[in-house]
Amino acid sequence: MSSPQARRARSVRHRKSRRRDPEDKRARILVAAARFLGEEGYEAMTAARVASAAGVSEGLLFHHFGSKRGVLEALAESFGEGAFESVFAALREDPPRDLQGLLRPLFAYARENRALARAFAALSSRQDRALAEQAVARRVEAGLTDLLVRQEDLGRVRGMEPDVVAKLMFAVVTAGLIGCFVDEDGEREAIWLEETASCVAAAVRPVGVAHAEEVPS
């Protein structure tokens, strides 16, 4: 017979496992959905196929996301999360000295996730495209706003509205990424990166960012 301590330990492990299980299943659904969306398009990303590939029931998929469009929105939010985290990770590891250095991780992320970026751009429904764009924008703009607020607190930028600058930066960078990896095949990435950095500098200068070409460490 096991001791009370052993039974309590098993109970704790069981509760932790149950808490992790829904998160794991949700993640598996998103992985499966991203594969179908990136490889075959939105029409092929049916709830039945995604649920089967993820090893869950359709009911569980709808429980987590509500609908197929809910899955699309969650995928776009995850894409935006990954895009911003790529920049934030670079800032932690090796703070860039200029805008090209700041934007380079974003271009690398878009290159690595080109199929998904193209799938979002290829959505046939205007409502679906808007849903995906807004979901990506929410996460990236929120992250950029927080980053700019921190830079302002450190005295590295001044006289600015962080949320306005974040929206400007997101719009300009998105246009550059689409031009490089959706409209083209990415072979001119270095040129697109340079032009996008120049456009970001020009876009944010009117709202008062000091020395927009430089991002001090």
N, C-alpha and C. Protein backbone atom coordinates (compact mmCIF):
# COMPACT_ATOMS: atom_id res chain seq x y z
N MET A 1 0.86 -1.20 0.00
CA MET A 1 0.00 0.00 0.00
C MET A 1 0.89 1.24 0.00
N SER A 2 0.57 2.20 -0.83
CA SER A 2 1.40 3.38 -0.93
C SER A 2 1.14 4.32 0.24
N SER A 3 2.12 5.14 0.54
CA SER A 3 2.01 6.08 1.64
C SER A 3 1.12 7.25 1.26
N PRO A 4 0.60 8.00 2.26
CA PRO A 4 -0.20 9.20 1.95
C PRO A 4 0.59 10.20 1.12
N GLN A 5 1.91 10.32 1.41
CA GLN A 5 2.74 11.26 0.65
C GLN A 5 2.81 10.87 -0.82
N ALA A 6 2.96 9.55 -1.07
CA ALA A 6 3.04 9.08 -2.45
C ALA A 6 1.73 9.32 -3.18
N ARG A 7 0.61 9.08 -2.46
CA ARG A 7 -0.70 9.30 -3.09
C ARG A 7 -0.90 10.78 -3.40
N ARG A 8 -0.47 11.65 -2.47
CA ARG A 8 -0.59 13.09 -2.72
C ARG A 8 0.27 13.51 -3.90
N ALA A 9 1.48 12.94 -3.99
CA ALA A 9 2.37 13.29 -5.10
C ALA A 9 1.76 12.87 -6.43
N ARG A 10 1.16 11.66 -6.46
CA ARG A 10 0.51 11.21 -7.70
C ARG A 10 -0.66 12.11 -8.05
N SER A 11 -1.40 12.54 -7.01
CA SER A 11 -2.55 13.41 -7.24
C SER A 11 -2.12 14.75 -7.82
N VAL A 12 -1.01 15.30 -7.28
CA VAL A 12 -0.50 16.58 -7.78
C VAL A 12 -0.06 16.43 -9.23
N ARG A 13 0.67 15.33 -9.53
CA ARG A 13 1.12 15.11 -10.91
C ARG A 13 -0.06 14.97 -11.85
N HIS A 14 -1.11 14.29 -11.38
CA HIS A 14 -2.30 14.08 -12.21
C HIS A 14 -2.98 15.41 -12.51
N ARG A 15 -3.09 16.27 -11.46
CA ARG A 15 -3.74 17.57 -11.67
C ARG A 15 -2.93 18.43 -12.63
N LYS A 16 -1.60 18.42 -12.48
CA LYS A 16 -0.75 19.19 -13.39
C LYS A 16 -0.87 18.67 -14.81
N SER A 17 -0.93 17.34 -14.95
CA SER A 17 -1.06 16.74 -16.28
C SER A 17 -2.38 17.15 -16.92
N ARG A 18 -3.46 17.17 -16.12
CA ARG A 18 -4.76 17.56 -16.66
C ARG A 18 -4.77 19.02 -17.08
N ARG A 19 -4.03 19.88 -16.32
CA ARG A 19 -3.98 21.29 -16.71
C ARG A 19 -3.20 21.46 -18.01
N ARG A 20 -2.13 20.67 -18.18
CA ARG A 20 -1.31 20.79 -19.39
C ARG A 20 -2.02 20.21 -20.61
N ASP A 21 -2.86 19.20 -20.39
CA ASP A 21 -3.45 18.48 -21.51
C ASP A 21 -4.25 19.38 -22.44
N PRO A 22 -5.15 20.25 -21.95
CA PRO A 22 -5.87 21.14 -22.87
C PRO A 22 -4.94 22.05 -23.66
N GLU A 23 -3.88 22.55 -23.01
CA GLU A 23 -2.93 23.41 -23.71
C GLU A 23 -2.21 22.63 -24.81
N ASP A 24 -1.87 21.38 -24.51
CA ASP A 24 -1.19 20.55 -25.50
C ASP A 24 -2.10 20.27 -26.69
N LYS A 25 -3.36 19.97 -26.42
CA LYS A 25 -4.30 19.69 -27.51
C LYS A 25 -4.55 20.94 -28.35
N ARG A 26 -4.66 22.08 -27.69
CA ARG A 26 -4.86 23.33 -28.43
C ARG A 26 -3.66 23.60 -29.34
N ALA A 27 -2.46 23.37 -28.81
CA ALA A 27 -1.25 23.57 -29.61
C ALA A 27 -1.21 22.61 -30.80
N ARG A 28 -1.62 21.36 -30.58
CA ARG A 28 -1.63 20.38 -31.67
C ARG A 28 -2.61 20.79 -32.76
N ILE A 29 -3.74 21.34 -32.36
CA ILE A 29 -4.72 21.81 -33.34
C ILE A 29 -4.12 22.92 -34.20
N LEU A 30 -3.42 23.85 -33.57
CA LEU A 30 -2.83 24.97 -34.32
C LEU A 30 -1.72 24.49 -35.25
N VAL A 31 -0.93 23.53 -34.81
CA VAL A 31 0.13 22.98 -35.67
C VAL A 31 -0.48 22.33 -36.90
N ALA A 32 -1.52 21.53 -36.69
CA ALA A 32 -2.17 20.85 -37.81
C ALA A 32 -2.83 21.86 -38.75
N ALA A 33 -3.49 22.86 -38.17
CA ALA A 33 -4.15 23.88 -38.99
C ALA A 33 -3.14 24.67 -39.81
N ALA A 34 -2.01 25.00 -39.20
CA ALA A 34 -0.97 25.75 -39.92
C ALA A 34 -0.45 24.95 -41.11
N ARG A 35 -0.32 23.64 -40.92
CA ARG A 35 0.18 22.80 -42.02
C ARG A 35 -0.80 22.80 -43.19
N PHE A 36 -2.09 22.60 -42.89
CA PHE A 36 -3.09 22.59 -43.97
C PHE A 36 -3.19 23.96 -44.64
N LEU A 37 -3.19 25.02 -43.83
CA LEU A 37 -3.32 26.36 -44.39
C LEU A 37 -2.12 26.70 -45.26
N GLY A 38 -0.92 26.41 -44.76
CA GLY A 38 0.29 26.76 -45.50
C GLY A 38 0.50 25.93 -46.75
N GLU A 39 0.11 24.64 -46.70
CA GLU A 39 0.39 23.75 -47.82
C GLU A 39 -0.75 23.67 -48.83
N GLU A 40 -2.01 23.79 -48.35
CA GLU A 40 -3.14 23.56 -49.25
C GLU A 40 -4.14 24.71 -49.30
N GLY A 41 -4.03 25.67 -48.39
CA GLY A 41 -4.95 26.80 -48.41
C GLY A 41 -6.09 26.67 -47.42
N TYR A 42 -6.82 27.77 -47.26
CA TYR A 42 -7.85 27.86 -46.24
C TYR A 42 -9.00 26.88 -46.48
N GLU A 43 -9.38 26.70 -47.74
CA GLU A 43 -10.49 25.79 -48.03
C GLU A 43 -10.17 24.37 -47.59
N ALA A 44 -8.90 23.98 -47.69
CA ALA A 44 -8.50 22.62 -47.30
C ALA A 44 -8.39 22.47 -45.79
N MET A 45 -8.37 23.59 -45.08
CA MET A 45 -8.22 23.56 -43.62
C MET A 45 -9.59 23.36 -42.97
N THR A 46 -10.19 22.21 -43.22
CA THR A 46 -11.51 21.94 -42.64
C THR A 46 -11.36 21.49 -41.19
N ALA A 47 -12.42 21.70 -40.43
CA ALA A 47 -12.39 21.30 -39.02
C ALA A 47 -12.15 19.80 -38.89
N ALA A 48 -12.76 19.02 -39.77
CA ALA A 48 -12.62 17.56 -39.69
C ALA A 48 -11.18 17.13 -39.93
N ARG A 49 -10.54 17.70 -40.95
CA ARG A 49 -9.16 17.32 -41.27
C ARG A 49 -8.20 17.77 -40.18
N VAL A 50 -8.40 18.99 -39.70
CA VAL A 50 -7.51 19.51 -38.65
C VAL A 50 -7.64 18.68 -37.38
N ALA A 51 -8.88 18.40 -36.98
CA ALA A 51 -9.10 17.62 -35.76
C ALA A 51 -8.48 16.23 -35.89
N SER A 52 -8.67 15.60 -37.05
CA SER A 52 -8.12 14.26 -37.26
C SER A 52 -6.59 14.28 -37.19
N ALA A 53 -5.98 15.26 -37.85
CA ALA A 53 -4.52 15.34 -37.85
C ALA A 53 -3.97 15.65 -36.46
N ALA A 54 -4.75 16.39 -35.66
CA ALA A 54 -4.31 16.75 -34.32
C ALA A 54 -4.62 15.66 -33.30
N GLY A 55 -5.40 14.67 -33.72
CA GLY A 55 -5.75 13.59 -32.80
C GLY A 55 -6.77 13.98 -31.76
N VAL A 56 -7.68 14.90 -32.13
CA VAL A 56 -8.73 15.33 -31.20
C VAL A 56 -10.07 15.25 -31.92
N SER A 57 -11.14 15.46 -31.19
CA SER A 57 -12.46 15.46 -31.79
C SER A 57 -12.78 16.84 -32.35
N GLU A 58 -13.71 16.88 -33.31
CA GLU A 58 -14.16 18.17 -33.83
C GLU A 58 -14.79 18.99 -32.71
N GLY A 59 -15.48 18.31 -31.80
CA GLY A 59 -16.11 19.02 -30.69
C GLY A 59 -15.09 19.76 -29.85
N LEU A 60 -13.93 19.14 -29.62
CA LEU A 60 -12.89 19.81 -28.83
C LEU A 60 -12.33 21.00 -29.59
N LEU A 61 -12.17 20.85 -30.90
CA LEU A 61 -11.69 21.98 -31.71
C LEU A 61 -12.64 23.16 -31.57
N PHE A 62 -13.94 22.90 -31.69
CA PHE A 62 -14.91 23.99 -31.57
C PHE A 62 -14.98 24.53 -30.14
N HIS A 63 -14.70 23.67 -29.17
CA HIS A 63 -14.67 24.13 -27.78
C HIS A 63 -13.56 25.16 -27.58
N HIS A 64 -12.40 24.91 -28.17
CA HIS A 64 -11.27 25.82 -28.01
C HIS A 64 -11.39 27.07 -28.87
N PHE A 65 -11.89 26.92 -30.10
CA PHE A 65 -11.81 28.02 -31.06
C PHE A 65 -13.16 28.54 -31.56
N GLY A 66 -14.23 27.82 -31.29
CA GLY A 66 -15.55 28.29 -31.66
C GLY A 66 -15.96 28.00 -33.08
N SER A 67 -15.03 28.13 -34.01
CA SER A 67 -15.35 27.95 -35.43
C SER A 67 -14.04 27.82 -36.21
N LYS A 68 -14.18 27.53 -37.49
CA LYS A 68 -13.01 27.48 -38.36
C LYS A 68 -12.33 28.85 -38.42
N ARG A 69 -13.13 29.91 -38.46
CA ARG A 69 -12.56 31.26 -38.48
C ARG A 69 -11.84 31.56 -37.16
N GLY A 70 -12.32 30.96 -36.08
CA GLY A 70 -11.63 31.12 -34.81
C GLY A 70 -10.25 30.50 -34.84
N VAL A 71 -10.13 29.37 -35.53
CA VAL A 71 -8.81 28.74 -35.71
C VAL A 71 -7.91 29.66 -36.54
N LEU A 72 -8.47 30.22 -37.60
CA LEU A 72 -7.70 31.14 -38.45
C LEU A 72 -7.20 32.34 -37.64
N GLU A 73 -8.08 32.89 -36.83
CA GLU A 73 -7.70 34.05 -36.00
C GLU A 73 -6.58 33.67 -35.02
N ALA A 74 -6.71 32.50 -34.40
CA ALA A 74 -5.68 32.06 -33.46
C ALA A 74 -4.35 31.82 -34.17
N LEU A 75 -4.40 31.28 -35.39
CA LEU A 75 -3.17 31.09 -36.16
C LEU A 75 -2.50 32.43 -36.45
N ALA A 76 -3.30 33.42 -36.83
CA ALA A 76 -2.75 34.74 -37.13
C ALA A 76 -2.16 35.38 -35.88
N GLU A 77 -2.83 35.22 -34.74
CA GLU A 77 -2.30 35.75 -33.49
C GLU A 77 -0.97 35.07 -33.14
N SER A 78 -0.91 33.76 -33.36
CA SER A 78 0.33 33.03 -33.10
C SER A 78 1.44 33.49 -34.03
N PHE A 79 1.09 33.76 -35.28
CA PHE A 79 2.07 34.27 -36.25
C PHE A 79 2.61 35.62 -35.78
N GLY A 80 1.71 36.50 -35.34
CA GLY A 80 2.13 37.80 -34.84
C GLY A 80 2.99 37.68 -33.59
N GLU A 81 2.63 36.75 -32.72
CA GLU A 81 3.42 36.51 -31.51
C GLU A 81 4.84 36.09 -31.87
N GLY A 82 4.94 35.15 -32.82
CA GLY A 82 6.26 34.69 -33.24
C GLY A 82 7.07 35.79 -33.89
N ALA A 83 6.40 36.64 -34.67
CA ALA A 83 7.10 37.74 -35.34
C ALA A 83 7.69 38.70 -34.32
N PHE A 84 6.88 39.09 -33.34
CA PHE A 84 7.40 40.03 -32.35
C PHE A 84 8.46 39.39 -31.47
N GLU A 85 8.25 38.13 -31.09
CA GLU A 85 9.23 37.46 -30.24
C GLU A 85 10.58 37.33 -30.94
N SER A 86 10.57 37.22 -32.27
CA SER A 86 11.84 37.13 -33.00
C SER A 86 12.64 38.42 -32.82
N VAL A 87 11.94 39.55 -32.81
CA VAL A 87 12.61 40.84 -32.60
C VAL A 87 13.07 40.96 -31.15
N PHE A 88 12.18 40.61 -30.23
CA PHE A 88 12.50 40.77 -28.81
C PHE A 88 13.67 39.89 -28.40
N ALA A 89 13.71 38.68 -28.96
CA ALA A 89 14.83 37.78 -28.65
C ALA A 89 16.15 38.37 -29.15
N ALA A 90 16.11 38.98 -30.34
CA ALA A 90 17.32 39.60 -30.88
C ALA A 90 17.76 40.78 -30.01
N LEU A 91 16.81 41.53 -29.50
CA LEU A 91 17.14 42.67 -28.64
C LEU A 91 17.81 42.20 -27.35
N ARG A 92 17.34 41.08 -26.81
CA ARG A 92 17.93 40.56 -25.57
C ARG A 92 19.34 40.05 -25.81
N GLU A 93 19.55 39.38 -26.94
CA GLU A 93 20.83 38.72 -27.18
C GLU A 93 21.91 39.68 -27.68
N ASP A 94 21.54 40.52 -28.65
CA ASP A 94 22.54 41.40 -29.27
C ASP A 94 21.83 42.64 -29.79
N PRO A 95 21.62 43.64 -28.93
CA PRO A 95 20.85 44.83 -29.33
C PRO A 95 21.39 45.45 -30.61
N PRO A 96 20.54 45.64 -31.62
CA PRO A 96 21.00 46.20 -32.89
C PRO A 96 21.31 47.68 -32.77
N ARG A 97 22.18 48.15 -33.67
CA ARG A 97 22.56 49.56 -33.66
C ARG A 97 21.77 50.38 -34.67
N ASP A 98 21.01 49.76 -35.54
CA ASP A 98 20.26 50.51 -36.53
C ASP A 98 18.96 49.79 -36.85
N LEU A 99 18.13 50.42 -37.66
CA LEU A 99 16.82 49.86 -37.98
C LEU A 99 16.93 48.57 -38.78
N GLN A 100 17.91 48.48 -39.65
CA GLN A 100 18.07 47.23 -40.40
C GLN A 100 18.33 46.07 -39.44
N GLY A 101 19.15 46.32 -38.43
CA GLY A 101 19.42 45.28 -37.45
C GLY A 101 18.18 44.91 -36.65
N LEU A 102 17.33 45.90 -36.39
CA LEU A 102 16.10 45.64 -35.66
C LEU A 102 15.11 44.84 -36.50
N LEU A 103 15.06 45.14 -37.81
CA LEU A 103 14.09 44.50 -38.69
C LEU A 103 14.56 43.16 -39.24
N ARG A 104 15.86 42.91 -39.20
CA ARG A 104 16.39 41.68 -39.79
C ARG A 104 15.75 40.42 -39.21
N PRO A 105 15.53 40.32 -37.88
CA PRO A 105 14.86 39.12 -37.35
C PRO A 105 13.44 38.94 -37.89
N LEU A 106 12.75 40.06 -38.14
CA LEU A 106 11.40 39.96 -38.71
C LEU A 106 11.44 39.38 -40.12
N PHE A 107 12.40 39.81 -40.90
CA PHE A 107 12.53 39.28 -42.25
C PHE A 107 12.90 37.79 -42.20
N ALA A 108 13.76 37.42 -41.26
CA ALA A 108 14.12 36.01 -41.12
C ALA A 108 12.91 35.18 -40.72
N TYR A 109 12.10 35.71 -39.82
CA TYR A 109 10.89 34.99 -39.38
C TYR A 109 9.92 34.82 -40.55
N ALA A 110 9.73 35.89 -41.33
CA ALA A 110 8.83 35.81 -42.48
C ALA A 110 9.36 34.82 -43.52
N ARG A 111 10.67 34.79 -43.69
CA ARG A 111 11.26 33.84 -44.64
C ARG A 111 11.00 32.41 -44.21
N GLU A 112 11.20 32.14 -42.92
CA GLU A 112 11.01 30.79 -42.40
C GLU A 112 9.54 30.37 -42.41
N ASN A 113 8.63 31.34 -42.33
CA ASN A 113 7.20 31.05 -42.30
C ASN A 113 6.50 31.59 -43.54
N ARG A 114 7.22 31.56 -44.66
CA ARG A 114 6.73 32.14 -45.90
C ARG A 114 5.41 31.51 -46.35
N ALA A 115 5.28 30.19 -46.21
CA ALA A 115 4.07 29.52 -46.68
C ALA A 115 2.84 30.03 -45.94
N LEU A 116 2.98 30.24 -44.64
CA LEU A 116 1.85 30.72 -43.86
C LEU A 116 1.54 32.18 -44.19
N ALA A 117 2.58 32.99 -44.37
CA ALA A 117 2.37 34.39 -44.74
C ALA A 117 1.64 34.49 -46.07
N ARG A 118 2.05 33.67 -47.03
CA ARG A 118 1.39 33.67 -48.33
C ARG A 118 -0.05 33.18 -48.23
N ALA A 119 -0.29 32.22 -47.35
CA ALA A 119 -1.65 31.70 -47.18
C ALA A 119 -2.57 32.78 -46.61
N PHE A 120 -2.07 33.56 -45.65
CA PHE A 120 -2.88 34.66 -45.12
C PHE A 120 -3.21 35.67 -46.23
N ALA A 121 -2.20 36.01 -47.03
CA ALA A 121 -2.40 36.99 -48.10
C ALA A 121 -3.32 36.47 -49.18
N ALA A 122 -3.39 35.14 -49.34
CA ALA A 122 -4.18 34.54 -50.42
C ALA A 122 -5.62 34.24 -50.02
N LEU A 123 -6.00 34.56 -48.80
CA LEU A 123 -7.38 34.30 -48.37
C LEU A 123 -8.35 34.98 -49.32
N SER A 124 -9.30 34.22 -49.83
CA SER A 124 -10.19 34.75 -50.87
C SER A 124 -11.25 35.70 -50.33
N SER A 125 -11.63 35.52 -49.08
CA SER A 125 -12.65 36.37 -48.48
C SER A 125 -12.01 37.62 -47.87
N ARG A 126 -12.56 38.78 -48.22
CA ARG A 126 -12.06 40.03 -47.65
C ARG A 126 -12.19 40.03 -46.13
N GLN A 127 -13.29 39.46 -45.63
CA GLN A 127 -13.50 39.40 -44.18
C GLN A 127 -12.44 38.53 -43.51
N ASP A 128 -12.11 37.41 -44.15
CA ASP A 128 -11.10 36.52 -43.57
C ASP A 128 -9.72 37.17 -43.59
N ARG A 129 -9.40 37.86 -44.69
CA ARG A 129 -8.10 38.56 -44.75
C ARG A 129 -8.02 39.63 -43.67
N ALA A 130 -9.11 40.38 -43.51
CA ALA A 130 -9.13 41.43 -42.49
C ALA A 130 -8.98 40.83 -41.09
N LEU A 131 -9.65 39.70 -40.86
CA LEU A 131 -9.56 39.03 -39.57
C LEU A 131 -8.12 38.64 -39.27
N ALA A 132 -7.45 38.04 -40.26
CA ALA A 132 -6.06 37.60 -40.06
C ALA A 132 -5.14 38.80 -39.87
N GLU A 133 -5.31 39.83 -40.69
CA GLU A 133 -4.45 41.02 -40.59
C GLU A 133 -4.60 41.68 -39.23
N GLN A 134 -5.84 41.80 -38.76
CA GLN A 134 -6.08 42.45 -37.48
C GLN A 134 -5.51 41.63 -36.32
N ALA A 135 -5.60 40.30 -36.44
CA ALA A 135 -5.06 39.45 -35.37
C ALA A 135 -3.55 39.56 -35.28
N VAL A 136 -2.87 39.57 -36.44
CA VAL A 136 -1.42 39.76 -36.45
C VAL A 136 -1.07 41.14 -35.90
N ALA A 137 -1.80 42.15 -36.37
CA ALA A 137 -1.51 43.53 -35.97
C ALA A 137 -1.67 43.72 -34.47
N ARG A 138 -2.70 43.13 -33.88
CA ARG A 138 -2.93 43.30 -32.44
C ARG A 138 -1.70 42.91 -31.64
N ARG A 139 -1.14 41.74 -31.97
CA ARG A 139 -0.01 41.26 -31.17
C ARG A 139 1.26 42.05 -31.45
N VAL A 140 1.53 42.30 -32.72
CA VAL A 140 2.78 43.00 -33.05
C VAL A 140 2.73 44.44 -32.57
N GLU A 141 1.62 45.13 -32.80
CA GLU A 141 1.52 46.53 -32.39
C GLU A 141 1.58 46.66 -30.87
N ALA A 142 0.96 45.72 -30.16
CA ALA A 142 1.02 45.75 -28.69
C ALA A 142 2.46 45.59 -28.22
N GLY A 143 3.18 44.66 -28.83
CA GLY A 143 4.57 44.44 -28.46
C GLY A 143 5.45 45.64 -28.78
N LEU A 144 5.25 46.22 -29.96
CA LEU A 144 6.03 47.39 -30.35
C LEU A 144 5.74 48.58 -29.45
N THR A 145 4.47 48.75 -29.10
CA THR A 145 4.10 49.85 -28.21
C THR A 145 4.81 49.72 -26.87
N ASP A 146 4.78 48.51 -26.32
CA ASP A 146 5.45 48.26 -25.04
C ASP A 146 6.95 48.53 -25.16
N LEU A 147 7.54 48.08 -26.26
CA LEU A 147 8.97 48.29 -26.47
C LEU A 147 9.30 49.77 -26.57
N LEU A 148 8.48 50.53 -27.30
CA LEU A 148 8.73 51.96 -27.46
C LEU A 148 8.54 52.72 -26.15
N VAL A 149 7.57 52.29 -25.34
CA VAL A 149 7.38 52.92 -24.03
C VAL A 149 8.63 52.73 -23.17
N ARG A 150 9.19 51.52 -23.22
CA ARG A 150 10.42 51.27 -22.45
C ARG A 150 11.56 52.14 -22.96
N GLN A 151 11.67 52.27 -24.28
CA GLN A 151 12.73 53.10 -24.84
C GLN A 151 12.54 54.56 -24.45
N GLU A 152 11.30 55.01 -24.40
CA GLU A 152 11.02 56.39 -23.99
C GLU A 152 11.39 56.59 -22.52
N ASP A 153 11.07 55.60 -21.68
CA ASP A 153 11.42 55.70 -20.26
C ASP A 153 12.92 55.77 -20.05
N LEU A 154 13.67 55.14 -20.96
CA LEU A 154 15.13 55.15 -20.87
C LEU A 154 15.74 56.39 -21.53
N GLY A 155 14.88 57.24 -22.10
CA GLY A 155 15.36 58.46 -22.74
C GLY A 155 15.94 58.26 -24.12
N ARG A 156 15.66 57.12 -24.75
CA ARG A 156 16.24 56.84 -26.05
C ARG A 156 15.39 57.36 -27.21
N VAL A 157 14.12 57.60 -26.95
CA VAL A 157 13.26 58.27 -27.92
C VAL A 157 12.46 59.31 -27.15
N ARG A 158 11.94 60.30 -27.86
CA ARG A 158 11.25 61.38 -27.17
C ARG A 158 10.16 61.97 -28.06
N GLY A 159 9.24 62.70 -27.41
CA GLY A 159 8.22 63.44 -28.12
C GLY A 159 7.38 62.59 -29.05
N MET A 160 6.91 61.43 -28.57
CA MET A 160 6.22 60.49 -29.45
C MET A 160 5.00 59.91 -28.78
N GLU A 161 4.09 59.39 -29.59
CA GLU A 161 2.97 58.60 -29.10
C GLU A 161 3.28 57.15 -29.47
N PRO A 162 3.67 56.32 -28.52
CA PRO A 162 4.12 54.96 -28.84
C PRO A 162 3.14 54.15 -29.66
N ASP A 163 1.83 54.26 -29.36
CA ASP A 163 0.86 53.46 -30.11
C ASP A 163 0.76 53.92 -31.56
N VAL A 164 0.91 55.23 -31.79
CA VAL A 164 0.87 55.75 -33.16
C VAL A 164 2.09 55.27 -33.94
N VAL A 165 3.26 55.37 -33.31
CA VAL A 165 4.48 54.93 -33.97
C VAL A 165 4.43 53.44 -34.26
N ALA A 166 3.89 52.66 -33.31
CA ALA A 166 3.79 51.21 -33.50
C ALA A 166 2.92 50.88 -34.71
N LYS A 167 1.81 51.59 -34.87
CA LYS A 167 0.93 51.35 -36.01
C LYS A 167 1.63 51.71 -37.32
N LEU A 168 2.35 52.83 -37.32
CA LEU A 168 3.09 53.23 -38.52
C LEU A 168 4.15 52.18 -38.87
N MET A 169 4.90 51.76 -37.86
CA MET A 169 5.95 50.78 -38.10
C MET A 169 5.37 49.47 -38.63
N PHE A 170 4.27 49.03 -38.02
CA PHE A 170 3.66 47.76 -38.45
C PHE A 170 3.20 47.85 -39.90
N ALA A 171 2.55 48.96 -40.26
CA ALA A 171 2.05 49.11 -41.63
C ALA A 171 3.18 49.10 -42.65
N VAL A 172 4.25 49.84 -42.35
CA VAL A 172 5.37 49.93 -43.29
C VAL A 172 6.10 48.59 -43.40
N VAL A 173 6.36 47.97 -42.26
CA VAL A 173 7.10 46.70 -42.27
C VAL A 173 6.28 45.61 -42.95
N THR A 174 4.97 45.58 -42.69
CA THR A 174 4.12 44.58 -43.32
C THR A 174 4.16 44.72 -44.84
N ALA A 175 4.12 45.95 -45.32
CA ALA A 175 4.20 46.18 -46.77
C ALA A 175 5.52 45.65 -47.33
N GLY A 176 6.61 45.87 -46.59
CA GLY A 176 7.91 45.38 -47.05
C GLY A 176 7.99 43.86 -47.06
N LEU A 177 7.45 43.23 -46.02
CA LEU A 177 7.49 41.77 -45.95
C LEU A 177 6.63 41.13 -47.03
N ILE A 178 5.46 41.72 -47.28
CA ILE A 178 4.59 41.19 -48.34
C ILE A 178 5.27 41.35 -49.70
N GLY A 179 5.87 42.51 -49.92
CA GLY A 179 6.57 42.72 -51.18
C GLY A 179 7.69 41.73 -51.39
N CYS A 180 8.42 41.43 -50.31
CA CYS A 180 9.59 40.56 -50.42
C CYS A 180 9.22 39.09 -50.54
N PHE A 181 8.27 38.63 -49.71
CA PHE A 181 8.05 37.18 -49.61
C PHE A 181 6.72 36.70 -50.19
N VAL A 182 5.80 37.61 -50.46
CA VAL A 182 4.52 37.21 -51.05
C VAL A 182 4.48 37.58 -52.53
N ASP A 183 4.75 38.86 -52.82
CA ASP A 183 4.75 39.29 -54.22
C ASP A 183 5.98 38.78 -54.97
N GLU A 184 7.09 38.64 -54.25
CA GLU A 184 8.32 38.12 -54.85
C GLU A 184 8.73 36.85 -54.11
N ASP A 185 9.86 36.29 -54.50
CA ASP A 185 10.29 35.01 -53.93
C ASP A 185 11.35 35.14 -52.84
N GLY A 186 11.65 36.38 -52.42
CA GLY A 186 12.60 36.58 -51.34
C GLY A 186 14.05 36.73 -51.77
N GLU A 187 14.31 36.63 -53.08
CA GLU A 187 15.70 36.72 -53.53
C GLU A 187 16.29 38.11 -53.33
N ARG A 188 15.44 39.13 -53.28
CA ARG A 188 15.92 40.50 -53.08
C ARG A 188 15.73 40.94 -51.63
N GLU A 189 15.88 40.00 -50.71
CA GLU A 189 15.61 40.29 -49.30
C GLU A 189 16.47 41.44 -48.78
N ALA A 190 17.74 41.46 -49.12
CA ALA A 190 18.63 42.52 -48.62
C ALA A 190 18.16 43.89 -49.08
N ILE A 191 17.69 43.97 -50.32
CA ILE A 191 17.21 45.25 -50.86
C ILE A 191 15.92 45.66 -50.17
N TRP A 192 15.00 44.69 -50.01
CA TRP A 192 13.74 44.99 -49.33
C TRP A 192 13.99 45.42 -47.89
N LEU A 193 14.94 44.78 -47.22
CA LEU A 193 15.26 45.13 -45.84
C LEU A 193 15.76 46.57 -45.76
N GLU A 194 16.67 46.93 -46.65
CA GLU A 194 17.22 48.29 -46.65
C GLU A 194 16.13 49.32 -46.94
N GLU A 195 15.29 49.03 -47.94
CA GLU A 195 14.23 49.98 -48.30
C GLU A 195 13.18 50.10 -47.20
N THR A 196 12.86 48.97 -46.56
CA THR A 196 11.87 49.01 -45.49
C THR A 196 12.39 49.80 -44.30
N ALA A 197 13.66 49.62 -43.96
CA ALA A 197 14.25 50.39 -42.86
C ALA A 197 14.21 51.88 -43.17
N SER A 198 14.50 52.25 -44.41
CA SER A 198 14.46 53.67 -44.80
C SER A 198 13.04 54.22 -44.70
N CYS A 199 12.06 53.41 -45.12
CA CYS A 199 10.66 53.84 -45.06
C CYS A 199 10.18 53.98 -43.62
N VAL A 200 10.61 53.07 -42.75
CA VAL A 200 10.24 53.17 -41.34
C VAL A 200 10.80 54.45 -40.75
N ALA A 201 12.07 54.75 -41.06
CA ALA A 201 12.70 55.97 -40.55
C ALA A 201 11.93 57.20 -41.02
N ALA A 202 11.54 57.21 -42.30
CA ALA A 202 10.80 58.35 -42.84
C ALA A 202 9.41 58.45 -42.24
N ALA A 203 8.79 57.30 -41.96
CA ALA A 203 7.43 57.30 -41.44
C ALA A 203 7.36 57.78 -40.00
N VAL A 204 8.34 57.40 -39.19
CA VAL A 204 8.25 57.74 -37.77
C VAL A 204 8.85 59.10 -37.44
N ARG A 205 9.70 59.64 -38.31
CA ARG A 205 10.33 60.93 -38.01
C ARG A 205 9.31 62.04 -37.79
N PRO A 206 8.22 62.13 -38.60
CA PRO A 206 7.27 63.22 -38.39
C PRO A 206 6.56 63.20 -37.05
N VAL A 207 6.49 62.04 -36.38
CA VAL A 207 5.81 62.00 -35.09
C VAL A 207 6.80 62.14 -33.93
N GLY A 208 8.04 62.48 -34.24
CA GLY A 208 8.94 62.92 -33.19
C GLY A 208 9.90 61.92 -32.63
N VAL A 209 10.18 60.83 -33.30
CA VAL A 209 11.17 59.89 -32.79
C VAL A 209 12.56 60.44 -33.10
N ALA A 210 13.35 60.59 -32.06
CA ALA A 210 14.69 61.14 -32.25
C ALA A 210 15.61 60.10 -32.83
N HIS A 211 16.34 60.46 -33.89
CA HIS A 211 17.33 59.57 -34.49
C HIS A 211 16.71 58.21 -34.83
N ALA A 212 15.70 58.22 -35.65
CA ALA A 212 14.98 56.98 -35.97
C ALA A 212 15.86 55.97 -36.66
N GLU A 213 16.96 56.43 -37.31
CA GLU A 213 17.82 55.49 -38.01
C GLU A 213 18.64 54.65 -37.05
N GLU A 214 18.74 55.08 -35.78
CA GLU A 214 19.58 54.37 -34.83
C GLU A 214 18.75 53.83 -33.69
N VAL A 215 19.09 52.65 -33.25
CA VAL A 215 18.44 52.05 -32.09
C VAL A 215 19.52 51.76 -31.07
N PRO A 216 19.74 52.68 -30.12
CA PRO A 216 20.85 52.51 -29.17
C PRO A 216 20.70 51.24 -28.36
N SER A 217 21.82 50.64 -28.01
CA SER A 217 21.79 49.44 -27.17
C SER A 217 21.58 49.83 -25.73
